[in-house]
Amino acid sequence: MRVLIVGAAGMVGRKLVTALLDRGVISGRKIEALSLVDVITPSVPDADIAIKAIAADMSEPGVAETLLVDRPDVIFHLAAIVSGEAEADFEKGYRINLDGTRYLLEAIRHVGSPYRPRLVFTSSIAVFGEPLPPVISDTHEHTPLTSYGTQKAICELLLADYSRRGFVDGVGIRLPTIAVRPGKPNKAASGFFSGIIREPLSGQEALLPVADSVRHWFASPRAAVGFLLHAAELDSAKLSSQRNLTMPGLAATVGEQIAALERVAGPKAVALIRRQPDQTIADIVAGWPQAFDASRAKSLGFVGETSFDEIIRIYIADELGGPPA
């Protein structure tokens, strides 16, 4: 079993590498080699298997073909620029998020039969936009209100069509907003959802650009890695023509996040949150869906968290050395 991870230097990518090495198998087959790709050279952990780290830009023509020389059996495609950056830089967003994905699909197609790898693609709940019902189903119409959401929606259609034609065995997973993200803030419009938990837990001030009433859909990094691993092993015949799935998550308001932080870490942590309204971010977030019916994904074995307290405790356990969660 050979595995290729595109976007391996990112937070979820790094955690996925660790999880794969810990497991050692996918669908009962031993992982013999890992290829880790990103625009910066991914770090290579110590392991008993062959690991290649490659610095490459998937949006450049010809790059994807070089990554398929070893015919990876499973490909995790995580590479993307985030929502805020894709909105601010229109050309870069389409080049990285759309062109890079299409080049990968085309490279797989041109290898030809019998090569048909499992391709796990990370999409986003941003593919949905107004008008929105209170709870969104998998089959709700795609009406994205951001360039990022539009790019992900196009890629979902491509994944389904290339799978229908037999070029690839694709599974698209629409990730909730991942919280609590470790490390420094990124350019995602949703970054404050993690910041108002992460920074106070480290004794630092956090800025809150939206109202406490803003409601959103969350999962932890641990759950995200679990989604990816399960998607790699899923019997794709159960998907039929609907290759893209909304992952299980937890609907919570900003106020409920803050209440969970107080229960877990006390009022001193909450006191470090400073409200600083940002209309640009508020306008972007206002167009995002707030809750989902993920029963289809759950019926296929995908599992997420059930409380924001649990999400915070997972962050403390996995990133701050706290007790297991």
C-alpha atoms as a PDB file:
ATOM      1  CA  MET A   1       0.000   0.000   0.000  1.00  0.00           C
ATOM      2  CA  ARG A   2       1.448   3.327  -1.131  1.00  0.00           C
ATOM      3  CA  VAL A   3      -0.003   6.571   0.183  1.00  0.00           C
ATOM      4  CA  LEU A   4       0.318  10.122  -1.161  1.00  0.00           C
ATOM      5  CA  ILE A   5      -0.640  13.115   0.989  1.00  0.00           C
ATOM      6  CA  VAL A   6      -0.943  16.452  -0.803  1.00  0.00           C
ATOM      7  CA  GLY A   7      -0.905  19.229   1.772  1.00  0.00           C
ATOM      8  CA  ALA A   8       1.125  17.178   4.236  1.00  0.00           C
ATOM      9  CA  ALA A   9       2.794  20.186   5.899  1.00  0.00           C
ATOM     10  CA  GLY A  10      -0.482  21.618   7.161  1.00  0.00           C
ATOM     11  CA  MET A  11      -1.895  21.023  10.616  1.00  0.00           C
ATOM     12  CA  VAL A  12      -4.318  18.270   9.608  1.00  0.00           C
ATOM     13  CA  GLY A  13      -1.754  16.797   7.203  1.00  0.00           C
ATOM     14  CA  ARG A  14       0.851  16.429   9.933  1.00  0.00           C
ATOM     15  CA  LYS A  15      -1.640  14.788  12.264  1.00  0.00           C
ATOM     16  CA  LEU A  16      -2.740  12.451   9.465  1.00  0.00           C
ATOM     17  CA  VAL A  17       0.864  11.346   8.895  1.00  0.00           C
ATOM     18  CA  THR A  18       1.228  10.523  12.588  1.00  0.00           C
ATOM     19  CA  ALA A  19      -2.043   8.587  12.597  1.00  0.00           C
ATOM     20  CA  LEU A  20      -1.095   6.570   9.505  1.00  0.00           C
ATOM     21  CA  LEU A  21       2.268   5.633  10.988  1.00  0.00           C
ATOM     22  CA  ASP A  22       0.604   4.618  14.251  1.00  0.00           C
ATOM     23  CA  ARG A  23      -1.950   2.445  12.412  1.00  0.00           C
ATOM     24  CA  GLY A  24       0.413   0.989   9.842  1.00  0.00           C
ATOM     25  CA  VAL A  25      -2.429  -0.264   7.632  1.00  0.00           C
ATOM     26  CA  ILE A  26      -5.300   0.922   5.447  1.00  0.00           C
ATOM     27  CA  SER A  27      -8.119  -1.536   4.812  1.00  0.00           C
ATOM     28  CA  GLY A  28      -5.970  -4.296   6.269  1.00  0.00           C
ATOM     29  CA  ARG A  29      -3.088  -3.640   3.863  1.00  0.00           C
ATOM     30  CA  LYS A  30       0.282  -2.665   5.254  1.00  0.00           C
ATOM     31  CA  ILE A  31       1.444   0.857   4.400  1.00  0.00           C
ATOM     32  CA  GLU A  32       4.784   0.392   2.664  1.00  0.00           C
ATOM     33  CA  ALA A  33       5.558   3.936   1.527  1.00  0.00           C
ATOM     34  CA  LEU A  34       4.431   7.500   2.181  1.00  0.00           C
ATOM     35  CA  SER A  35       4.922  10.481  -0.133  1.00  0.00           C
ATOM     36  CA  LEU A  36       4.431  13.828   1.598  1.00  0.00           C
ATOM     37  CA  VAL A  37       3.880  16.866  -0.624  1.00  0.00           C
ATOM     38  CA  ASP A  38       3.392  20.553   0.077  1.00  0.00           C
ATOM     39  CA  VAL A  39       4.618  23.924  -1.171  1.00  0.00           C
ATOM     40  CA  ILE A  40       7.163  23.776   1.632  1.00  0.00           C
ATOM     41  CA  THR A  41       9.067  20.576   2.322  1.00  0.00           C
ATOM     42  CA  PRO A  42       7.102  18.552   4.903  1.00  0.00           C
ATOM     43  CA  SER A  43       8.975  17.255   7.927  1.00  0.00           C
ATOM     44  CA  VAL A  44       9.783  13.547   7.851  1.00  0.00           C
ATOM     45  CA  PRO A  45       9.156  11.617  11.076  1.00  0.00           C
ATOM     46  CA  ASP A  46      11.185   8.607  12.079  1.00  0.00           C
ATOM     47  CA  ALA A  47       9.545   5.487  10.714  1.00  0.00           C
ATOM     48  CA  ASP A  48      10.226   1.942   9.561  1.00  0.00           C
ATOM     49  CA  ILE A  49       8.788   2.605   6.111  1.00  0.00           C
ATOM     50  CA  ALA A  50       9.988   4.606   3.126  1.00  0.00           C
ATOM     51  CA  ILE A  51       8.943   8.268   3.374  1.00  0.00           C
ATOM     52  CA  LYS A  52       9.566  10.891   0.700  1.00  0.00           C
ATOM     53  CA  ALA A  53       9.136  14.609   1.403  1.00  0.00           C
ATOM     54  CA  ILE A  54       8.577  16.741  -1.684  1.00  0.00           C
ATOM     55  CA  ALA A  55       8.255  20.502  -2.064  1.00  0.00           C
ATOM     56  CA  ALA A  56       5.934  21.080  -5.011  1.00  0.00           C
ATOM     57  CA  ASP A  57       3.122  23.370  -6.149  1.00  0.00           C
ATOM     58  CA  MET A  58       0.217  21.306  -7.455  1.00  0.00           C
ATOM     59  CA  SER A  59      -1.136  24.294  -9.368  1.00  0.00           C
ATOM     60  CA  GLU A  60       1.833  24.180 -11.739  1.00  0.00           C
ATOM     61  CA  PRO A  61       1.250  22.114 -14.914  1.00  0.00           C
ATOM     62  CA  GLY A  62       3.145  18.822 -14.948  1.00  0.00           C
ATOM     63  CA  VAL A  63       3.746  18.575 -11.201  1.00  0.00           C
ATOM     64  CA  ALA A  64       0.911  16.127 -10.499  1.00  0.00           C
ATOM     65  CA  GLU A  65       2.246  13.668 -13.083  1.00  0.00           C
ATOM     66  CA  THR A  66       5.577  13.434 -11.238  1.00  0.00           C
ATOM     67  CA  LEU A  67       3.794  12.465  -8.019  1.00  0.00           C
ATOM     68  CA  LEU A  68       2.047   9.497  -9.593  1.00  0.00           C
ATOM     69  CA  VAL A  69       5.168   7.679 -10.794  1.00  0.00           C
ATOM     70  CA  ASP A  70       4.910   5.243  -7.852  1.00  0.00           C
ATOM     71  CA  ARG A  71       1.154   4.745  -8.470  1.00  0.00           C
ATOM     72  CA  PRO A  72      -0.100   5.517  -4.947  1.00  0.00           C
ATOM     73  CA  ASP A  73      -3.077   3.395  -3.924  1.00  0.00           C
ATOM     74  CA  VAL A  74      -4.573   6.099  -1.701  1.00  0.00           C
ATOM     75  CA  ILE A  75      -4.269   9.842  -2.238  1.00  0.00           C
ATOM     76  CA  PHE A  76      -5.297  12.370   0.398  1.00  0.00           C
ATOM     77  CA  HIS A  77      -5.807  15.771  -1.240  1.00  0.00           C
ATOM     78  CA  LEU A  78      -5.768  18.357   1.563  1.00  0.00           C
ATOM     79  CA  ALA A  79      -3.991  21.226  -0.199  1.00  0.00           C
ATOM     80  CA  ALA A  80      -5.862  24.525  -0.406  1.00  0.00           C
ATOM     81  CA  ILE A  81      -5.651  28.156   0.554  1.00  0.00           C
ATOM     82  CA  VAL A  82      -8.187  29.123   3.164  1.00  0.00           C
ATOM     83  CA  SER A  83     -11.389  31.122   2.880  1.00  0.00           C
ATOM     84  CA  GLY A  84     -10.171  34.597   3.798  1.00  0.00           C
ATOM     85  CA  GLU A  85      -7.114  34.371   1.555  1.00  0.00           C
ATOM     86  CA  ALA A  86      -9.120  32.955  -1.356  1.00  0.00           C
ATOM     87  CA  GLU A  87     -11.557  35.866  -1.040  1.00  0.00           C
ATOM     88  CA  ALA A  88      -8.766  38.454  -0.862  1.00  0.00           C
ATOM     89  CA  ASP A  89      -6.757  37.032  -3.795  1.00  0.00           C
ATOM     90  CA  PHE A  90      -9.188  35.869  -6.489  1.00  0.00           C
ATOM     91  CA  GLU A  91      -6.589  34.547  -8.937  1.00  0.00           C
ATOM     92  CA  LYS A  92      -4.571  32.690  -6.314  1.00  0.00           C
ATOM     93  CA  GLY A  93      -7.693  31.050  -4.923  1.00  0.00           C
ATOM     94  CA  TYR A  94      -8.737  29.619  -8.281  1.00  0.00           C
ATOM     95  CA  ARG A  95      -5.183  28.622  -9.168  1.00  0.00           C
ATOM     96  CA  ILE A  96      -4.527  26.694  -5.960  1.00  0.00           C
ATOM     97  CA  ASN A  97      -7.963  25.407  -5.040  1.00  0.00           C
ATOM     98  CA  LEU A  98      -9.384  24.636  -8.479  1.00  0.00           C
ATOM     99  CA  ASP A  99      -6.520  24.276 -10.958  1.00  0.00           C
ATOM    100  CA  GLY A 100      -4.410  22.219  -8.557  1.00  0.00           C
ATOM    101  CA  THR A 101      -7.267  19.764  -8.024  1.00  0.00           C
ATOM    102  CA  ARG A 102      -8.080  19.474 -11.716  1.00  0.00           C
ATOM    103  CA  TYR A 103      -4.421  18.893 -12.615  1.00  0.00           C
ATOM    104  CA  LEU A 104      -4.343  16.030 -10.103  1.00  0.00           C
ATOM    105  CA  LEU A 105      -7.514  14.475 -11.503  1.00  0.00           C
ATOM    106  CA  GLU A 106      -6.246  14.806 -15.051  1.00  0.00           C
ATOM    107  CA  ALA A 107      -2.896  13.264 -14.152  1.00  0.00           C
ATOM    108  CA  ILE A 108      -4.707  10.265 -12.650  1.00  0.00           C
ATOM    109  CA  ARG A 109      -6.912   9.966 -15.747  1.00  0.00           C
ATOM    110  CA  HIS A 110      -3.951   9.979 -18.097  1.00  0.00           C
ATOM    111  CA  VAL A 111      -2.237   7.130 -16.238  1.00  0.00           C
ATOM    112  CA  GLY A 112      -5.111   5.035 -17.561  1.00  0.00           C
ATOM    113  CA  SER A 113      -6.751   1.757 -16.626  1.00  0.00           C
ATOM    114  CA  PRO A 114      -6.309  -0.310 -14.507  1.00  0.00           C
ATOM    115  CA  TYR A 115      -4.982   2.472 -12.256  1.00  0.00           C
ATOM    116  CA  ARG A 116      -7.883   3.806 -10.163  1.00  0.00           C
ATOM    117  CA  PRO A 117      -6.694   5.099  -6.779  1.00  0.00           C
ATOM    118  CA  ARG A 118      -8.872   6.047  -3.836  1.00  0.00           C
ATOM    119  CA  LEU A 119      -8.821   9.858  -3.729  1.00  0.00           C
ATOM    120  CA  VAL A 120      -9.981  11.462  -0.489  1.00  0.00           C
ATOM    121  CA  PHE A 121     -10.724  15.127  -1.118  1.00  0.00           C
ATOM    122  CA  THR A 122     -11.309  17.672   1.639  1.00  0.00           C
ATOM    123  CA  SER A 123     -14.185  19.930   0.714  1.00  0.00           C
ATOM    124  CA  SER A 124     -15.976  22.428   2.955  1.00  0.00           C
ATOM    125  CA  ILE A 125     -19.373  23.403   4.294  1.00  0.00           C
ATOM    126  CA  ALA A 126     -18.711  26.700   2.475  1.00  0.00           C
ATOM    127  CA  VAL A 127     -20.163  25.063  -0.668  1.00  0.00           C
ATOM    128  CA  PHE A 128     -23.577  25.935   0.810  1.00  0.00           C
ATOM    129  CA  GLY A 129     -24.990  29.448   0.943  1.00  0.00           C
ATOM    130  CA  GLU A 130     -28.209  31.386   1.082  1.00  0.00           C
ATOM    131  CA  PRO A 131     -31.066  30.735   1.030  1.00  0.00           C
ATOM    132  CA  LEU A 132     -30.459  28.314   3.879  1.00  0.00           C
ATOM    133  CA  PRO A 133     -32.876  26.248   5.952  1.00  0.00           C
ATOM    134  CA  PRO A 134     -32.053  25.929   9.679  1.00  0.00           C
ATOM    135  CA  VAL A 135     -30.542  22.467   9.075  1.00  0.00           C
ATOM    136  CA  ILE A 136     -28.730  21.592   5.836  1.00  0.00           C
ATOM    137  CA  SER A 137     -28.878  18.155   4.213  1.00  0.00           C
ATOM    138  CA  ASP A 138     -26.298  16.606   1.891  1.00  0.00           C
ATOM    139  CA  THR A 139     -28.568  17.216  -1.062  1.00  0.00           C
ATOM    140  CA  HIS A 140     -29.148  20.914  -0.446  1.00  0.00           C
ATOM    141  CA  GLU A 141     -28.380  23.058  -3.480  1.00  0.00           C
ATOM    142  CA  HIS A 142     -24.860  24.481  -3.725  1.00  0.00           C
ATOM    143  CA  THR A 143     -25.141  28.279  -3.617  1.00  0.00           C
ATOM    144  CA  PRO A 144     -21.767  29.393  -2.214  1.00  0.00           C
ATOM    145  CA  LEU A 145     -21.332  33.042  -1.314  1.00  0.00           C
ATOM    146  CA  THR A 146     -17.518  33.088  -1.376  1.00  0.00           C
ATOM    147  CA  SER A 147     -14.883  32.300  -3.972  1.00  0.00           C
ATOM    148  CA  TYR A 148     -13.517  29.604  -1.655  1.00  0.00           C
ATOM    149  CA  GLY A 149     -16.916  27.929  -1.437  1.00  0.00           C
ATOM    150  CA  THR A 150     -17.324  28.164  -5.199  1.00  0.00           C
ATOM    151  CA  GLN A 151     -13.924  26.560  -5.788  1.00  0.00           C
ATOM    152  CA  LYS A 152     -14.738  23.688  -3.448  1.00  0.00           C
ATOM    153  CA  ALA A 153     -18.160  23.196  -5.047  1.00  0.00           C
ATOM    154  CA  ILE A 154     -16.615  22.938  -8.523  1.00  0.00           C
ATOM    155  CA  CYS A 155     -14.088  20.413  -7.232  1.00  0.00           C
ATOM    156  CA  GLU A 156     -16.889  18.313  -5.724  1.00  0.00           C
ATOM    157  CA  LEU A 157     -18.541  18.117  -9.149  1.00  0.00           C
ATOM    158  CA  LEU A 158     -15.251  17.174 -10.792  1.00  0.00           C
ATOM    159  CA  LEU A 159     -14.600  14.455  -8.202  1.00  0.00           C
ATOM    160  CA  ALA A 160     -18.053  12.982  -8.786  1.00  0.00           C
ATOM    161  CA  ASP A 161     -17.710  13.067 -12.561  1.00  0.00           C
ATOM    162  CA  TYR A 162     -14.199  11.570 -12.676  1.00  0.00           C
ATOM    163  CA  SER A 163     -15.444   8.856 -10.307  1.00  0.00           C
ATOM    164  CA  ARG A 164     -18.505   8.221 -12.477  1.00  0.00           C
ATOM    165  CA  ARG A 165     -16.250   7.794 -15.503  1.00  0.00           C
ATOM    166  CA  GLY A 166     -14.088   5.297 -13.614  1.00  0.00           C
ATOM    167  CA  PHE A 167     -10.894   7.365 -13.620  1.00  0.00           C
ATOM    168  CA  VAL A 168     -10.698   7.625  -9.831  1.00  0.00           C
ATOM    169  CA  ASP A 169     -12.442   6.218  -6.770  1.00  0.00           C
ATOM    170  CA  GLY A 170     -13.279   9.500  -5.074  1.00  0.00           C
ATOM    171  CA  VAL A 171     -14.678  10.351  -1.663  1.00  0.00           C
ATOM    172  CA  GLY A 172     -15.251  14.021  -0.847  1.00  0.00           C
ATOM    173  CA  ILE A 173     -15.650  15.012   2.785  1.00  0.00           C
ATOM    174  CA  ARG A 174     -17.054  18.416   3.689  1.00  0.00           C
ATOM    175  CA  LEU A 175     -15.202  19.320   6.844  1.00  0.00           C
ATOM    176  CA  PRO A 176     -16.798  21.427   9.555  1.00  0.00           C
ATOM    177  CA  THR A 177     -14.741  24.341  10.816  1.00  0.00           C
ATOM    178  CA  ILE A 178     -11.854  22.680  12.645  1.00  0.00           C
ATOM    179  CA  ALA A 179     -11.413  23.836  16.214  1.00  0.00           C
ATOM    180  CA  VAL A 180      -9.407  24.241  18.241  1.00  0.00           C
ATOM    181  CA  ARG A 181      -6.589  24.685  15.716  1.00  0.00           C
ATOM    182  CA  PRO A 182      -3.102  24.666  17.305  1.00  0.00           C
ATOM    183  CA  GLY A 183      -0.337  27.095  16.385  1.00  0.00           C
ATOM    184  CA  LYS A 184      -0.557  30.615  15.081  1.00  0.00           C
ATOM    185  CA  PRO A 185      -3.705  32.120  13.511  1.00  0.00           C
ATOM    186  CA  ASN A 186      -4.073  31.622   9.748  1.00  0.00           C
ATOM    187  CA  LYS A 187      -5.912  33.754   7.187  1.00  0.00           C
ATOM    188  CA  ALA A 188      -9.171  31.847   7.375  1.00  0.00           C
ATOM    189  CA  ALA A 189     -12.207  34.012   8.044  1.00  0.00           C
ATOM    190  CA  SER A 190     -13.187  31.356  10.591  1.00  0.00           C
ATOM    191  CA  GLY A 191      -9.893  31.609  12.492  1.00  0.00           C
ATOM    192  CA  PHE A 192     -11.398  33.477  15.443  1.00  0.00           C
ATOM    193  CA  PHE A 193     -13.493  30.411  16.351  1.00  0.00           C
ATOM    194  CA  SER A 194     -10.240  28.739  17.442  1.00  0.00           C
ATOM    195  CA  GLY A 195      -8.556  31.935  18.612  1.00  0.00           C
ATOM    196  CA  ILE A 196     -11.120  32.694  21.320  1.00  0.00           C
ATOM    197  CA  ILE A 197     -10.311  29.312  22.891  1.00  0.00           C
ATOM    198  CA  ARG A 198      -6.633  28.792  22.031  1.00  0.00           C
ATOM    199  CA  GLU A 199      -5.264  32.172  23.110  1.00  0.00           C
ATOM    200  CA  PRO A 200      -7.049  32.369  26.490  1.00  0.00           C
ATOM    201  CA  LEU A 201      -5.895  28.835  27.331  1.00  0.00           C
ATOM    202  CA  SER A 202      -2.331  30.131  26.826  1.00  0.00           C
ATOM    203  CA  GLY A 203      -2.947  33.265  28.884  1.00  0.00           C
ATOM    204  CA  GLN A 204      -3.159  35.562  25.850  1.00  0.00           C
ATOM    205  CA  GLU A 205      -5.782  38.035  24.686  1.00  0.00           C
ATOM    206  CA  ALA A 206      -8.090  36.942  21.877  1.00  0.00           C
ATOM    207  CA  LEU A 207     -10.088  39.194  19.558  1.00  0.00           C
ATOM    208  CA  LEU A 208     -13.717  38.364  18.805  1.00  0.00           C
ATOM    209  CA  PRO A 209     -14.901  40.038  15.561  1.00  0.00           C
ATOM    210  CA  VAL A 210     -18.529  38.807  15.555  1.00  0.00           C
ATOM    211  CA  ALA A 211     -21.525  38.698  17.868  1.00  0.00           C
ATOM    212  CA  ASP A 212     -22.015  36.009  20.504  1.00  0.00           C
ATOM    213  CA  SER A 213     -25.134  34.878  18.645  1.00  0.00           C
ATOM    214  CA  VAL A 214     -23.177  33.675  15.585  1.00  0.00           C
ATOM    215  CA  ARG A 215     -23.776  29.934  15.211  1.00  0.00           C
ATOM    216  CA  HIS A 216     -21.454  27.531  13.405  1.00  0.00           C
ATOM    217  CA  TRP A 217     -20.557  23.862  12.763  1.00  0.00           C
ATOM    218  CA  PHE A 218     -17.442  22.401  14.419  1.00  0.00           C
ATOM    219  CA  ALA A 219     -15.237  19.335  14.726  1.00  0.00           C
ATOM    220  CA  SER A 220     -11.837  18.828  16.335  1.00  0.00           C
ATOM    221  CA  PRO A 221      -8.584  18.123  14.477  1.00  0.00           C
ATOM    222  CA  ARG A 222      -8.728  14.630  15.990  1.00  0.00           C
ATOM    223  CA  ALA A 223     -12.144  14.076  14.422  1.00  0.00           C
ATOM    224  CA  ALA A 224     -10.925  15.462  11.069  1.00  0.00           C
ATOM    225  CA  VAL A 225      -8.134  12.888  10.943  1.00  0.00           C
ATOM    226  CA  GLY A 226     -10.662  10.200  11.819  1.00  0.00           C
ATOM    227  CA  PHE A 227     -12.863  11.328   8.922  1.00  0.00           C
ATOM    228  CA  LEU A 228      -9.934  11.077   6.497  1.00  0.00           C
ATOM    229  CA  LEU A 229      -8.911   7.612   7.642  1.00  0.00           C
ATOM    230  CA  HIS A 230     -12.471   6.323   7.481  1.00  0.00           C
ATOM    231  CA  ALA A 231     -12.948   7.812   4.004  1.00  0.00           C
ATOM    232  CA  ALA A 232      -9.834   5.964   2.827  1.00  0.00           C
ATOM    233  CA  GLU A 233     -11.323   2.643   3.925  1.00  0.00           C
ATOM    234  CA  LEU A 234     -14.992   3.230   3.100  1.00  0.00           C
ATOM    235  CA  ASP A 235     -16.771   0.908   0.678  1.00  0.00           C
ATOM    236  CA  SER A 236     -17.406   3.529  -1.997  1.00  0.00           C
ATOM    237  CA  ALA A 237     -20.118   1.380  -3.590  1.00  0.00           C
ATOM    238  CA  LYS A 238     -22.325   2.589  -0.737  1.00  0.00           C
ATOM    239  CA  LEU A 239     -21.969   6.149  -2.017  1.00  0.00           C
ATOM    240  CA  SER A 240     -23.426   5.414  -5.457  1.00  0.00           C
ATOM    241  CA  SER A 241     -23.254   8.645  -7.477  1.00  0.00           C
ATOM    242  CA  GLN A 242     -23.258  10.891  -4.392  1.00  0.00           C
ATOM    243  CA  ARG A 243     -19.547  11.010  -3.758  1.00  0.00           C
ATOM    244  CA  ASN A 244     -19.477  14.015  -1.406  1.00  0.00           C
ATOM    245  CA  LEU A 245     -20.540  13.888   2.229  1.00  0.00           C
ATOM    246  CA  THR A 246     -21.056  16.439   4.976  1.00  0.00           C
ATOM    247  CA  MET A 247     -19.130  15.278   8.016  1.00  0.00           C
ATOM    248  CA  PRO A 248     -20.672  15.023  11.484  1.00  0.00           C
ATOM    249  CA  GLY A 249     -20.134  18.080  13.620  1.00  0.00           C
ATOM    250  CA  LEU A 250     -21.394  20.111  16.507  1.00  0.00           C
ATOM    251  CA  ALA A 251     -23.559  23.224  16.093  1.00  0.00           C
ATOM    252  CA  ALA A 252     -22.648  25.899  18.662  1.00  0.00           C
ATOM    253  CA  THR A 253     -22.906  29.655  19.013  1.00  0.00           C
ATOM    254  CA  VAL A 254     -19.951  31.824  19.952  1.00  0.00           C
ATOM    255  CA  GLY A 255     -21.675  32.352  23.282  1.00  0.00           C
ATOM    256  CA  GLU A 256     -21.868  28.591  23.804  1.00  0.00           C
ATOM    257  CA  GLN A 257     -18.174  28.297  22.949  1.00  0.00           C
ATOM    258  CA  ILE A 258     -17.358  30.899  25.584  1.00  0.00           C
ATOM    259  CA  ALA A 259     -19.571  29.166  28.149  1.00  0.00           C
ATOM    260  CA  ALA A 260     -17.754  25.882  27.461  1.00  0.00           C
ATOM    261  CA  LEU A 261     -14.402  27.647  27.885  1.00  0.00           C
ATOM    262  CA  GLU A 262     -15.537  28.950  31.276  1.00  0.00           C
ATOM    263  CA  ARG A 263     -16.640  25.478  32.387  1.00  0.00           C
ATOM    264  CA  VAL A 264     -13.318  23.958  31.350  1.00  0.00           C
ATOM    265  CA  ALA A 265     -10.828  26.744  32.177  1.00  0.00           C
ATOM    266  CA  GLY A 266     -12.651  29.211  34.420  1.00  0.00           C
ATOM    267  CA  PRO A 267     -13.621  32.900  34.253  1.00  0.00           C
ATOM    268  CA  LYS A 268     -10.026  34.171  33.995  1.00  0.00           C
ATOM    269  CA  ALA A 269      -9.726  32.571  30.551  1.00  0.00           C
ATOM    270  CA  VAL A 270     -13.003  34.126  29.396  1.00  0.00           C
ATOM    271  CA  ALA A 271     -11.852  37.562  30.600  1.00  0.00           C
ATOM    272  CA  LEU A 272      -9.066  37.461  27.983  1.00  0.00           C
ATOM    273  CA  ILE A 273     -11.590  37.618  25.107  1.00  0.00           C
ATOM    274  CA  ARG A 274     -11.914  41.190  23.761  1.00  0.00           C
ATOM    275  CA  ARG A 275     -14.764  42.072  21.432  1.00  0.00           C
ATOM    276  CA  GLN A 276     -13.581  43.976  18.360  1.00  0.00           C
ATOM    277  CA  PRO A 277     -16.222  43.937  15.596  1.00  0.00           C
ATOM    278  CA  ASP A 278     -14.987  43.366  12.044  1.00  0.00           C
ATOM    279  CA  GLN A 279     -17.709  43.876   9.452  1.00  0.00           C
ATOM    280  CA  THR A 280     -15.826  42.099   6.660  1.00  0.00           C
ATOM    281  CA  ILE A 281     -15.517  38.913   8.690  1.00  0.00           C
ATOM    282  CA  ALA A 282     -19.064  39.278  10.008  1.00  0.00           C
ATOM    283  CA  ASP A 283     -20.408  39.541   6.456  1.00  0.00           C
ATOM    284  CA  ILE A 284     -18.499  36.421   5.318  1.00  0.00           C
ATOM    285  CA  VAL A 285     -19.592  34.354   8.311  1.00  0.00           C
ATOM    286  CA  ALA A 286     -23.208  35.522   7.979  1.00  0.00           C
ATOM    287  CA  GLY A 287     -23.463  33.662   4.673  1.00  0.00           C
ATOM    288  CA  TRP A 288     -22.300  30.341   6.118  1.00  0.00           C
ATOM    289  CA  PRO A 289     -24.676  27.534   7.145  1.00  0.00           C
ATOM    290  CA  GLN A 290     -25.115  26.942  10.840  1.00  0.00           C
ATOM    291  CA  ALA A 291     -26.198  23.321  11.326  1.00  0.00           C
ATOM    292  CA  PHE A 292     -26.350  20.133   9.280  1.00  0.00           C
ATOM    293  CA  ASP A 293     -28.081  16.817   9.015  1.00  0.00           C
ATOM    294  CA  ALA A 294     -25.066  14.508   8.809  1.00  0.00           C
ATOM    295  CA  SER A 295     -27.121  11.332   9.202  1.00  0.00           C
ATOM    296  CA  ARG A 296     -25.849   9.925   5.894  1.00  0.00           C
ATOM    297  CA  ALA A 297     -22.212  10.210   6.979  1.00  0.00           C
ATOM    298  CA  LYS A 298     -23.037   8.825  10.422  1.00  0.00           C
ATOM    299  CA  SER A 299     -24.789   5.844   8.856  1.00  0.00           C
ATOM    300  CA  LEU A 300     -21.556   5.160   6.957  1.00  0.00           C
ATOM    301  CA  GLY A 301     -19.508   5.165  10.162  1.00  0.00           C
ATOM    302  CA  PHE A 302     -18.149   8.729  10.419  1.00  0.00           C
ATOM    303  CA  VAL A 303     -18.033  10.026  14.018  1.00  0.00           C
ATOM    304  CA  GLY A 304     -17.677  13.555  15.449  1.00  0.00           C
ATOM    305  CA  GLU A 305     -17.866  15.249  18.843  1.00  0.00           C
ATOM    306  CA  THR A 306     -21.083  15.823  20.809  1.00  0.00           C
ATOM    307  CA  SER A 307     -20.165  18.883  22.947  1.00  0.00           C
ATOM    308  CA  PHE A 308     -17.857  21.868  22.697  1.00  0.00           C
ATOM    309  CA  ASP A 309     -16.493  21.002  26.134  1.00  0.00           C
ATOM    310  CA  GLU A 310     -15.228  17.785  24.525  1.00  0.00           C
ATOM    311  CA  ILE A 311     -13.584  19.754  21.694  1.00  0.00           C
ATOM    312  CA  ILE A 312     -11.772  21.995  24.201  1.00  0.00           C
ATOM    313  CA  ARG A 313     -10.616  19.029  26.287  1.00  0.00           C
ATOM    314  CA  ILE A 314      -9.274  17.318  23.151  1.00  0.00           C
ATOM    315  CA  TYR A 315      -7.203  20.432  22.396  1.00  0.00           C
ATOM    316  CA  ILE A 316      -5.853  20.519  25.961  1.00  0.00           C
ATOM    317  CA  ALA A 317      -4.976  16.808  25.789  1.00  0.00           C
ATOM    318  CA  ASP A 318      -3.449  16.793  22.309  1.00  0.00           C
ATOM    319  CA  GLU A 319      -1.687  20.178  22.290  1.00  0.00           C
ATOM    320  CA  LEU A 320      -1.117  21.305  25.886  1.00  0.00           C
ATOM    321  CA  GLY A 321      -0.216  17.998  27.508  1.00  0.00           C
ATOM    322  CA  GLY A 322      -3.370  17.779  29.583  1.00  0.00           C
ATOM    323  CA  PRO A 323      -5.211  14.623  30.673  1.00  0.00           C
ATOM    324  CA  PRO A 324      -6.569  12.329  27.962  1.00  0.00           C
ATOM    325  CA  ALA A 325      -9.876  13.373  26.423  1.00  0.00           C
END
